[in-house]
Amino acid sequence: MRLIVSQILDFAIYAVMVLAIFSSVMSWIPSLRWTEIGKLVFNLTDPVYMRFRKLFPPLMIKKGVAMDFSAIAAFFTFYLAYALLKKFIVPLIP
């Protein structure tokens, strides 16, 4: 049972990380946002990023240019949650 939970957790965190990377790369090419894959990726990632944008608003570099750190914050937060679950919760499963 522990192995199954561990594998599900591994798959989930890697899926989230891949989505975060796709979202970040696709945000550099605005026309990709309106493709079918782009819509799917942004529909899955934007609700999560919006919560992080409230904590870390985009940094304005100059007029019309901003750095958004929400993807990086989400990436590290999910990885930290993954590491903590693997270390402390998974070993408790019989």
PDB file of N, CA and C in Angstrom:
ATOM      1  N   MET A   1       0.825  -1.200   0.000  1.00  0.00           N
ATOM      2  CA  MET A   1       0.000   0.000   0.000  1.00  0.00           C
ATOM      3  C   MET A   1       0.866   1.260   0.000  1.00  0.00           C
ATOM      4  N   ARG A   2       1.934   1.211   0.798  1.00  0.00           N
ATOM      5  CA  ARG A   2       2.828   2.355   0.884  1.00  0.00           C
ATOM      6  C   ARG A   2       3.454   2.651  -0.473  1.00  0.00           C
ATOM      7  N   LEU A   3       3.816   1.606  -1.203  1.00  0.00           N
ATOM      8  CA  LEU A   3       4.421   1.787  -2.522  1.00  0.00           C
ATOM      9  C   LEU A   3       3.446   2.450  -3.491  1.00  0.00           C
ATOM     10  N   ILE A   4       2.188   2.037  -3.442  1.00  0.00           N
ATOM     11  CA  ILE A   4       1.175   2.623  -4.335  1.00  0.00           C
ATOM     12  C   ILE A   4       0.981   4.104  -4.025  1.00  0.00           C
ATOM     13  N   VAL A   5       0.859   4.433  -2.753  1.00  0.00           N
ATOM     14  CA  VAL A   5       0.686   5.835  -2.356  1.00  0.00           C
ATOM     15  C   VAL A   5       1.907   6.647  -2.768  1.00  0.00           C
ATOM     16  N   SER A   6       3.086   6.090  -2.590  1.00  0.00           N
ATOM     17  CA  SER A   6       4.307   6.770  -2.968  1.00  0.00           C
ATOM     18  C   SER A   6       4.359   7.016  -4.482  1.00  0.00           C
ATOM     19  N   GLN A   7       3.958   6.026  -5.271  1.00  0.00           N
ATOM     20  CA  GLN A   7       3.964   6.177  -6.727  1.00  0.00           C
ATOM     21  C   GLN A   7       2.925   7.200  -7.185  1.00  0.00           C
ATOM     22  N   ILE A   8       1.757   7.202  -6.562  1.00  0.00           N
ATOM     23  CA  ILE A   8       0.728   8.191  -6.900  1.00  0.00           C
ATOM     24  C   ILE A   8       1.231   9.597  -6.570  1.00  0.00           C
ATOM     25  N   LEU A   9       1.860   9.737  -5.424  1.00  0.00           N
ATOM     26  CA  LEU A   9       2.419  11.024  -5.017  1.00  0.00           C
ATOM     27  C   LEU A   9       3.511  11.472  -5.993  1.00  0.00           C
ATOM     28  N   ASP A  10       4.382  10.553  -6.391  1.00  0.00           N
ATOM     29  CA  ASP A  10       5.422  10.870  -7.379  1.00  0.00           C
ATOM     30  C   ASP A  10       4.806  11.349  -8.685  1.00  0.00           C
ATOM     31  N   PHE A  11       3.820  10.618  -9.177  1.00  0.00           N
ATOM     32  CA  PHE A  11       3.174  10.992 -10.435  1.00  0.00           C
ATOM     33  C   PHE A  11       2.519  12.369 -10.326  1.00  0.00           C
ATOM     34  N   ALA A  12       1.828  12.617  -9.223  1.00  0.00           N
ATOM     35  CA  ALA A  12       1.114  13.892  -9.052  1.00  0.00           C
ATOM     36  C   ALA A  12       2.083  15.063  -9.032  1.00  0.00           C
ATOM     37  N   ILE A  13       3.180  14.937  -8.290  1.00  0.00           N
ATOM     38  CA  ILE A  13       4.105  16.071  -8.205  1.00  0.00           C
ATOM     39  C   ILE A  13       4.809  16.297  -9.537  1.00  0.00           C
ATOM     40  N   TYR A  14       5.147  15.230 -10.234  1.00  0.00           N
ATOM     41  CA  TYR A  14       5.793  15.418 -11.539  1.00  0.00           C
ATOM     42  C   TYR A  14       4.821  16.010 -12.557  1.00  0.00           C
ATOM     43  N   ALA A  15       3.567  15.642 -12.487  1.00  0.00           N
ATOM     44  CA  ALA A  15       2.565  16.222 -13.383  1.00  0.00           C
ATOM     45  C   ALA A  15       2.416  17.721 -13.113  1.00  0.00           C
ATOM     46  N   VAL A  16       2.377  18.093 -11.846  1.00  0.00           N
ATOM     47  CA  VAL A  16       2.270  19.512 -11.483  1.00  0.00           C
ATOM     48  C   VAL A  16       3.504  20.279 -11.948  1.00  0.00           C
ATOM     49  N   MET A  17       4.679  19.682 -11.774  1.00  0.00           N
ATOM     50  CA  MET A  17       5.911  20.347 -12.194  1.00  0.00           C
ATOM     51  C   MET A  17       5.964  20.509 -13.710  1.00  0.00           C
ATOM     52  N   VAL A  18       5.560  19.502 -14.441  1.00  0.00           N
ATOM     53  CA  VAL A  18       5.547  19.594 -15.905  1.00  0.00           C
ATOM     54  C   VAL A  18       4.562  20.672 -16.355  1.00  0.00           C
ATOM     55  N   LEU A  19       3.391  20.715 -15.732  1.00  0.00           N
ATOM     56  CA  LEU A  19       2.425  21.769 -16.066  1.00  0.00           C
ATOM     57  C   LEU A  19       2.987  23.159 -15.763  1.00  0.00           C
ATOM     58  N   ALA A  20       3.685  23.285 -14.648  1.00  0.00           N
ATOM     59  CA  ALA A  20       4.275  24.578 -14.290  1.00  0.00           C
ATOM     60  C   ALA A  20       5.334  24.987 -15.311  1.00  0.00           C
ATOM     61  N   ILE A  21       6.146  24.045 -15.744  1.00  0.00           N
ATOM     62  CA  ILE A  21       7.170  24.356 -16.741  1.00  0.00           C
ATOM     63  C   ILE A  21       6.520  24.713 -18.073  1.00  0.00           C
ATOM     64  N   PHE A  22       5.542  23.929 -18.513  1.00  0.00           N
ATOM     65  CA  PHE A  22       4.828  24.235 -19.763  1.00  0.00           C
ATOM     66  C   PHE A  22       4.188  25.618 -19.690  1.00  0.00           C
ATOM     67  N   SER A  23       3.547  25.905 -18.578  1.00  0.00           N
ATOM     68  CA  SER A  23       2.883  27.195 -18.418  1.00  0.00           C
ATOM     69  C   SER A  23       3.890  28.338 -18.507  1.00  0.00           C
ATOM     70  N   SER A  24       5.035  28.179 -17.863  1.00  0.00           N
ATOM     71  CA  SER A  24       6.058  29.226 -17.881  1.00  0.00           C
ATOM     72  C   SER A  24       6.607  29.439 -19.283  1.00  0.00           C
ATOM     73  N   VAL A  25       6.916  28.357 -19.966  1.00  0.00           N
ATOM     74  CA  VAL A  25       7.456  28.476 -21.319  1.00  0.00           C
ATOM     75  C   VAL A  25       6.407  29.051 -22.267  1.00  0.00           C
ATOM     76  N   MET A  26       5.166  28.588 -22.135  1.00  0.00           N
ATOM     77  CA  MET A  26       4.103  29.073 -23.010  1.00  0.00           C
ATOM     78  C   MET A  26       3.782  30.547 -22.761  1.00  0.00           C
ATOM     79  N   SER A  27       4.042  31.034 -21.558  1.00  0.00           N
ATOM     80  CA  SER A  27       3.763  32.440 -21.274  1.00  0.00           C
ATOM     81  C   SER A  27       4.737  33.364 -22.006  1.00  0.00           C
ATOM     82  N   TRP A  28       5.885  32.852 -22.414  1.00  0.00           N
ATOM     83  CA  TRP A  28       6.846  33.667 -23.164  1.00  0.00           C
ATOM     84  C   TRP A  28       6.407  33.852 -24.607  1.00  0.00           C
ATOM     85  N   ILE A  29       5.544  32.967 -25.102  1.00  0.00           N
ATOM     86  CA  ILE A  29       5.051  33.045 -26.480  1.00  0.00           C
ATOM     87  C   ILE A  29       3.534  33.211 -26.399  1.00  0.00           C
ATOM     88  N   PRO A  30       3.049  34.435 -26.357  1.00  0.00           N
ATOM     89  CA  PRO A  30       1.634  34.697 -26.100  1.00  0.00           C
ATOM     90  C   PRO A  30       0.664  33.984 -27.048  1.00  0.00           C
ATOM     91  N   SER A  31       1.052  33.751 -28.292  1.00  0.00           N
ATOM     92  CA  SER A  31       0.125  33.100 -29.223  1.00  0.00           C
ATOM     93  C   SER A  31      -0.166  31.654 -28.834  1.00  0.00           C
ATOM     94  N   LEU A  32       0.717  31.024 -28.048  1.00  0.00           N
ATOM     95  CA  LEU A  32       0.475  29.640 -27.608  1.00  0.00           C
ATOM     96  C   LEU A  32      -0.640  29.545 -26.574  1.00  0.00           C
ATOM     97  N   ARG A  33      -0.904  30.647 -25.894  1.00  0.00           N
ATOM     98  CA  ARG A  33      -1.946  30.632 -24.863  1.00  0.00           C
ATOM     99  C   ARG A  33      -3.316  30.302 -25.448  1.00  0.00           C
ATOM    100  N   TRP A  34      -3.555  30.615 -26.697  1.00  0.00           N
ATOM    101  CA  TRP A  34      -4.885  30.444 -27.282  1.00  0.00           C
ATOM    102  C   TRP A  34      -5.019  29.157 -28.080  1.00  0.00           C
ATOM    103  N   THR A  35      -4.004  28.291 -28.063  1.00  0.00           N
ATOM    104  CA  THR A  35      -4.140  26.978 -28.681  1.00  0.00           C
ATOM    105  C   THR A  35      -4.914  26.072 -27.725  1.00  0.00           C
ATOM    106  N   GLU A  36      -5.355  24.928 -28.199  1.00  0.00           N
ATOM    107  CA  GLU A  36      -6.112  24.011 -27.331  1.00  0.00           C
ATOM    108  C   GLU A  36      -5.271  23.542 -26.148  1.00  0.00           C
ATOM    109  N   ILE A  37      -4.014  23.207 -26.407  1.00  0.00           N
ATOM    110  CA  ILE A  37      -3.137  22.769 -25.312  1.00  0.00           C
ATOM    111  C   ILE A  37      -2.875  23.930 -24.364  1.00  0.00           C
ATOM    112  N   GLY A  38      -2.670  25.112 -24.917  1.00  0.00           N
ATOM    113  CA  GLY A  38      -2.443  26.294 -24.086  1.00  0.00           C
ATOM    114  C   GLY A  38      -3.617  26.589 -23.181  1.00  0.00           C
ATOM    115  N   LYS A  39      -4.822  26.500 -23.719  1.00  0.00           N
ATOM    116  CA  LYS A  39      -6.023  26.725 -22.899  1.00  0.00           C
ATOM    117  C   LYS A  39      -6.096  25.711 -21.769  1.00  0.00           C
ATOM    118  N   LEU A  40      -5.806  24.449 -22.070  1.00  0.00           N
ATOM    119  CA  LEU A  40      -5.844  23.403 -21.042  1.00  0.00           C
ATOM    120  C   LEU A  40      -4.811  23.673 -19.955  1.00  0.00           C
ATOM    121  N   VAL A  41      -3.584  23.953 -20.362  1.00  0.00           N
ATOM    122  CA  VAL A  41      -2.507  24.192 -19.394  1.00  0.00           C
ATOM    123  C   VAL A  41      -2.824  25.399 -18.523  1.00  0.00           C
ATOM    124  N   PHE A  42      -3.247  26.505 -19.138  1.00  0.00           N
ATOM    125  CA  PHE A  42      -3.514  27.709 -18.352  1.00  0.00           C
ATOM    126  C   PHE A  42      -4.768  27.567 -17.492  1.00  0.00           C
ATOM    127  N   ASN A  43      -5.755  26.805 -17.938  1.00  0.00           N
ATOM    128  CA  ASN A  43      -6.936  26.559 -17.099  1.00  0.00           C
ATOM    129  C   ASN A  43      -6.581  25.731 -15.869  1.00  0.00           C
ATOM    130  N   LEU A  44      -5.571  24.879 -15.990  1.00  0.00           N
ATOM    131  CA  LEU A  44      -5.146  24.067 -14.844  1.00  0.00           C
ATOM    132  C   LEU A  44      -4.206  24.828 -13.909  1.00  0.00           C
ATOM    133  N   THR A  45      -3.385  25.704 -14.461  1.00  0.00           N
ATOM    134  CA  THR A  45      -2.375  26.368 -13.627  1.00  0.00           C
ATOM    135  C   THR A  45      -2.795  27.738 -13.099  1.00  0.00           C
ATOM    136  N   ASP A  46      -3.595  28.472 -13.834  1.00  0.00           N
ATOM    137  CA  ASP A  46      -3.942  29.830 -13.407  1.00  0.00           C
ATOM    138  C   ASP A  46      -4.648  29.910 -12.050  1.00  0.00           C
ATOM    139  N   PRO A  47      -5.578  29.000 -11.722  1.00  0.00           N
ATOM    140  CA  PRO A  47      -6.181  29.106 -10.382  1.00  0.00           C
ATOM    141  C   PRO A  47      -5.160  28.978  -9.250  1.00  0.00           C
ATOM    142  N   VAL A  48      -4.159  28.151  -9.450  1.00  0.00           N
ATOM    143  CA  VAL A  48      -3.107  27.995  -8.441  1.00  0.00           C
ATOM    144  C   VAL A  48      -2.229  29.242  -8.412  1.00  0.00           C
ATOM    145  N   TYR A  49      -1.848  29.721  -9.588  1.00  0.00           N
ATOM    146  CA  TYR A  49      -0.986  30.894  -9.658  1.00  0.00           C
ATOM    147  C   TYR A  49      -1.666  32.131  -9.084  1.00  0.00           C
ATOM    148  N   MET A  50      -2.970  32.253  -9.248  1.00  0.00           N
ATOM    149  CA  MET A  50      -3.679  33.426  -8.731  1.00  0.00           C
ATOM    150  C   MET A  50      -3.512  33.535  -7.212  1.00  0.00           C
ATOM    151  N   ARG A  51      -3.522  32.397  -6.533  1.00  0.00           N
ATOM    152  CA  ARG A  51      -3.331  32.432  -5.074  1.00  0.00           C
ATOM    153  C   ARG A  51      -1.927  32.920  -4.723  1.00  0.00           C
ATOM    154  N   PHE A  52      -0.935  32.491  -5.489  1.00  0.00           N
ATOM    155  CA  PHE A  52       0.433  32.931  -5.235  1.00  0.00           C
ATOM    156  C   PHE A  52       0.641  34.385  -5.643  1.00  0.00           C
ATOM    157  N   ARG A  53      -0.082  34.847  -6.652  1.00  0.00           N
ATOM    158  CA  ARG A  53       0.040  36.255  -7.072  1.00  0.00           C
ATOM    159  C   ARG A  53      -0.481  37.197  -5.990  1.00  0.00           C
ATOM    160  N   LYS A  54      -1.402  36.716  -5.171  1.00  0.00           N
ATOM    161  CA  LYS A  54      -1.874  37.539  -4.056  1.00  0.00           C
ATOM    162  C   LYS A  54      -0.757  37.705  -3.023  1.00  0.00           C
ATOM    163  N   LEU A  55       0.035  36.649  -2.824  1.00  0.00           N
ATOM    164  CA  LEU A  55       1.144  36.713  -1.871  1.00  0.00           C
ATOM    165  C   LEU A  55       2.364  37.416  -2.454  1.00  0.00           C
ATOM    166  N   PHE A  56       2.637  37.136  -3.728  1.00  0.00           N
ATOM    167  CA  PHE A  56       3.803  37.696  -4.413  1.00  0.00           C
ATOM    168  C   PHE A  56       3.336  38.404  -5.683  1.00  0.00           C
ATOM    169  N   PRO A  57       2.923  39.650  -5.583  1.00  0.00           N
ATOM    170  CA  PRO A  57       2.464  40.351  -6.795  1.00  0.00           C
ATOM    171  C   PRO A  57       3.607  40.492  -7.796  1.00  0.00           C
ATOM    172  N   PRO A  58       3.275  40.557  -9.087  1.00  0.00           N
ATOM    173  CA  PRO A  58       4.321  40.716 -10.102  1.00  0.00           C
ATOM    174  C   PRO A  58       5.161  41.967  -9.843  1.00  0.00           C
ATOM    175  N   LEU A  59       6.454  41.836 -10.058  1.00  0.00           N
ATOM    176  CA  LEU A  59       7.397  42.921  -9.848  1.00  0.00           C
ATOM    177  C   LEU A  59       7.467  43.760 -11.118  1.00  0.00           C
ATOM    178  N   MET A  60       7.085  45.031 -11.006  1.00  0.00           N
ATOM    179  CA  MET A  60       7.106  45.923 -12.160  1.00  0.00           C
ATOM    180  C   MET A  60       8.550  46.346 -12.442  1.00  0.00           C
ATOM    181  N   ILE A  61       9.027  46.028 -13.639  1.00  0.00           N
ATOM    182  CA  ILE A  61      10.385  46.389 -14.030  1.00  0.00           C
ATOM    183  C   ILE A  61      10.381  47.761 -14.688  1.00  0.00           C
ATOM    184  N   LYS A  62       9.503  47.944 -15.636  1.00  0.00           N
ATOM    185  CA  LYS A  62       9.283  49.248 -16.256  1.00  0.00           C
ATOM    186  C   LYS A  62       7.848  49.239 -16.768  1.00  0.00           C
ATOM    187  N   LYS A  63       7.397  50.321 -17.296  1.00  0.00           N
ATOM    188  CA  LYS A  63       6.012  50.419 -17.736  1.00  0.00           C
ATOM    189  C   LYS A  63       5.696  49.318 -18.759  1.00  0.00           C
ATOM    190  N   GLY A  64       4.722  48.495 -18.423  1.00  0.00           N
ATOM    191  CA  GLY A  64       4.291  47.432 -19.312  1.00  0.00           C
ATOM    192  C   GLY A  64       5.082  46.139 -19.199  1.00  0.00           C
ATOM    193  N   VAL A  65       6.106  46.106 -18.336  1.00  0.00           N
ATOM    194  CA  VAL A  65       6.930  44.904 -18.186  1.00  0.00           C
ATOM    195  C   VAL A  65       6.948  44.515 -16.714  1.00  0.00           C
ATOM    196  N   ALA A  66       6.575  43.260 -16.444  1.00  0.00           N
ATOM    197  CA  ALA A  66       6.545  42.789 -15.064  1.00  0.00           C
ATOM    198  C   ALA A  66       7.109  41.375 -14.990  1.00  0.00           C
ATOM    199  N   MET A  67       7.707  41.051 -13.865  1.00  0.00           N
ATOM    200  CA  MET A  67       8.203  39.696 -13.595  1.00  0.00           C
ATOM    201  C   MET A  67       7.216  39.031 -12.644  1.00  0.00           C
ATOM    202  N   ASP A  68       6.705  37.894 -13.060  1.00  0.00           N
ATOM    203  CA  ASP A  68       5.737  37.172 -12.248  1.00  0.00           C
ATOM    204  C   ASP A  68       6.433  35.968 -11.621  1.00  0.00           C
ATOM    205  N   PHE A  69       6.511  35.966 -10.302  1.00  0.00           N
ATOM    206  CA  PHE A  69       7.188  34.893  -9.581  1.00  0.00           C
ATOM    207  C   PHE A  69       6.233  33.834  -9.063  1.00  0.00           C
ATOM    208  N   SER A  70       4.952  33.894  -9.442  1.00  0.00           N
ATOM    209  CA  SER A  70       3.974  32.942  -8.908  1.00  0.00           C
ATOM    210  C   SER A  70       4.271  31.513  -9.341  1.00  0.00           C
ATOM    211  N   ALA A  71       4.755  31.310 -10.550  1.00  0.00           N
ATOM    212  CA  ALA A  71       5.068  29.952 -11.011  1.00  0.00           C
ATOM    213  C   ALA A  71       6.227  29.364 -10.205  1.00  0.00           C
ATOM    214  N   ILE A  72       7.232  30.179  -9.942  1.00  0.00           N
ATOM    215  CA  ILE A  72       8.374  29.707  -9.160  1.00  0.00           C
ATOM    216  C   ILE A  72       7.954  29.404  -7.731  1.00  0.00           C
ATOM    217  N   ALA A  73       7.137  30.279  -7.153  1.00  0.00           N
ATOM    218  CA  ALA A  73       6.652  30.058  -5.788  1.00  0.00           C
ATOM    219  C   ALA A  73       5.802  28.794  -5.715  1.00  0.00           C
ATOM    220  N   ALA A  74       4.938  28.588  -6.690  1.00  0.00           N
ATOM    221  CA  ALA A  74       4.107  27.378  -6.709  1.00  0.00           C
ATOM    222  C   ALA A  74       4.967  26.132  -6.874  1.00  0.00           C
ATOM    223  N   PHE A  75       5.943  26.193  -7.763  1.00  0.00           N
ATOM    224  CA  PHE A  75       6.839  25.068  -8.014  1.00  0.00           C
ATOM    225  C   PHE A  75       7.535  24.649  -6.719  1.00  0.00           C
ATOM    226  N   PHE A  76       8.145  25.605  -6.031  1.00  0.00           N
ATOM    227  CA  PHE A  76       8.857  25.279  -4.797  1.00  0.00           C
ATOM    228  C   PHE A  76       7.912  24.863  -3.673  1.00  0.00           C
ATOM    229  N   THR A  77       6.744  25.463  -3.591  1.00  0.00           N
ATOM    230  CA  THR A  77       5.778  25.078  -2.558  1.00  0.00           C
ATOM    231  C   THR A  77       5.299  23.646  -2.757  1.00  0.00           C
ATOM    232  N   PHE A  78       4.978  23.293  -4.004  1.00  0.00           N
ATOM    233  CA  PHE A  78       4.550  21.915  -4.269  1.00  0.00           C
ATOM    234  C   PHE A  78       5.676  20.932  -4.018  1.00  0.00           C
ATOM    235  N   TYR A  79       6.897  21.304  -4.376  1.00  0.00           N
ATOM    236  CA  TYR A  79       8.012  20.397  -4.136  1.00  0.00           C
ATOM    237  C   TYR A  79       8.263  20.231  -2.641  1.00  0.00           C
ATOM    238  N   LEU A  80       8.157  21.300  -1.874  1.00  0.00           N
ATOM    239  CA  LEU A  80       8.322  21.213  -0.424  1.00  0.00           C
ATOM    240  C   LEU A  80       7.239  20.330   0.189  1.00  0.00           C
ATOM    241  N   ALA A  81       5.996  20.510  -0.257  1.00  0.00           N
ATOM    242  CA  ALA A  81       4.900  19.665   0.236  1.00  0.00           C
ATOM    243  C   ALA A  81       5.152  18.202  -0.115  1.00  0.00           C
ATOM    244  N   TYR A  82       5.630  17.962  -1.322  1.00  0.00           N
ATOM    245  CA  TYR A  82       5.955  16.605  -1.759  1.00  0.00           C
ATOM    246  C   TYR A  82       7.034  15.991  -0.862  1.00  0.00           C
ATOM    247  N   ALA A  83       8.112  16.736  -0.622  1.00  0.00           N
ATOM    248  CA  ALA A  83       9.211  16.226   0.200  1.00  0.00           C
ATOM    249  C   ALA A  83       8.751  15.933   1.623  1.00  0.00           C
ATOM    250  N   LEU A  84       7.924  16.819   2.183  1.00  0.00           N
ATOM    251  CA  LEU A  84       7.425  16.596   3.541  1.00  0.00           C
ATOM    252  C   LEU A  84       6.496  15.394   3.613  1.00  0.00           C
ATOM    253  N   LEU A  85       5.624  15.248   2.617  1.00  0.00           N
ATOM    254  CA  LEU A  85       4.737  14.089   2.597  1.00  0.00           C
ATOM    255  C   LEU A  85       5.526  12.791   2.465  1.00  0.00           C
ATOM    256  N   LYS A  86       6.517  12.777   1.592  1.00  0.00           N
ATOM    257  CA  LYS A  86       7.334  11.573   1.402  1.00  0.00           C
ATOM    258  C   LYS A  86       8.108  11.218   2.664  1.00  0.00           C
ATOM    259  N   LYS A  87       8.571  12.233   3.364  1.00  0.00           N
ATOM    260  CA  LYS A  87       9.401  11.972   4.544  1.00  0.00           C
ATOM    261  C   LYS A  87       8.587  11.609   5.776  1.00  0.00           C
ATOM    262  N   PHE A  88       7.445  12.280   5.982  1.00  0.00           N
ATOM    263  CA  PHE A  88       6.725  12.106   7.243  1.00  0.00           C
ATOM    264  C   PHE A  88       5.405  11.344   7.156  1.00  0.00           C
ATOM    265  N   ILE A  89       4.696  11.442   6.052  1.00  0.00           N
ATOM    266  CA  ILE A  89       3.365  10.842   5.965  1.00  0.00           C
ATOM    267  C   ILE A  89       3.410   9.441   5.360  1.00  0.00           C
ATOM    268  N   VAL A  90       4.122   9.289   4.268  1.00  0.00           N
ATOM    269  CA  VAL A  90       4.166   7.979   3.585  1.00  0.00           C
ATOM    270  C   VAL A  90       4.690   6.873   4.508  1.00  0.00           C
ATOM    271  N   PRO A  91       5.716   7.118   5.333  1.00  0.00           N
ATOM    272  CA  PRO A  91       6.152   6.049   6.229  1.00  0.00           C
ATOM    273  C   PRO A  91       5.103   5.605   7.259  1.00  0.00           C
ATOM    274  N   LEU A  92       4.112   6.429   7.521  1.00  0.00           N
ATOM    275  CA  LEU A  92       3.063   6.062   8.483  1.00  0.00           C
ATOM    276  C   LEU A  92       2.020   5.108   7.894  1.00  0.00           C
ATOM    277  N   ILE A  93       2.006   4.987   6.569  1.00  0.00           N
ATOM    278  CA  ILE A  93       1.020   4.122   5.916  1.00  0.00           C
ATOM    279  C   ILE A  93       1.462   2.674   6.071  1.00  0.00           C
ATOM    280  N   PRO A  94       0.544   1.808   6.499  1.00  0.00           N
ATOM    281  CA  PRO A  94       0.930   0.403   6.716  1.00  0.00           C
ATOM    282  C   PRO A  94       1.212  -0.325   5.406  1.00  0.00           C
TER     283      PRO A  94
END
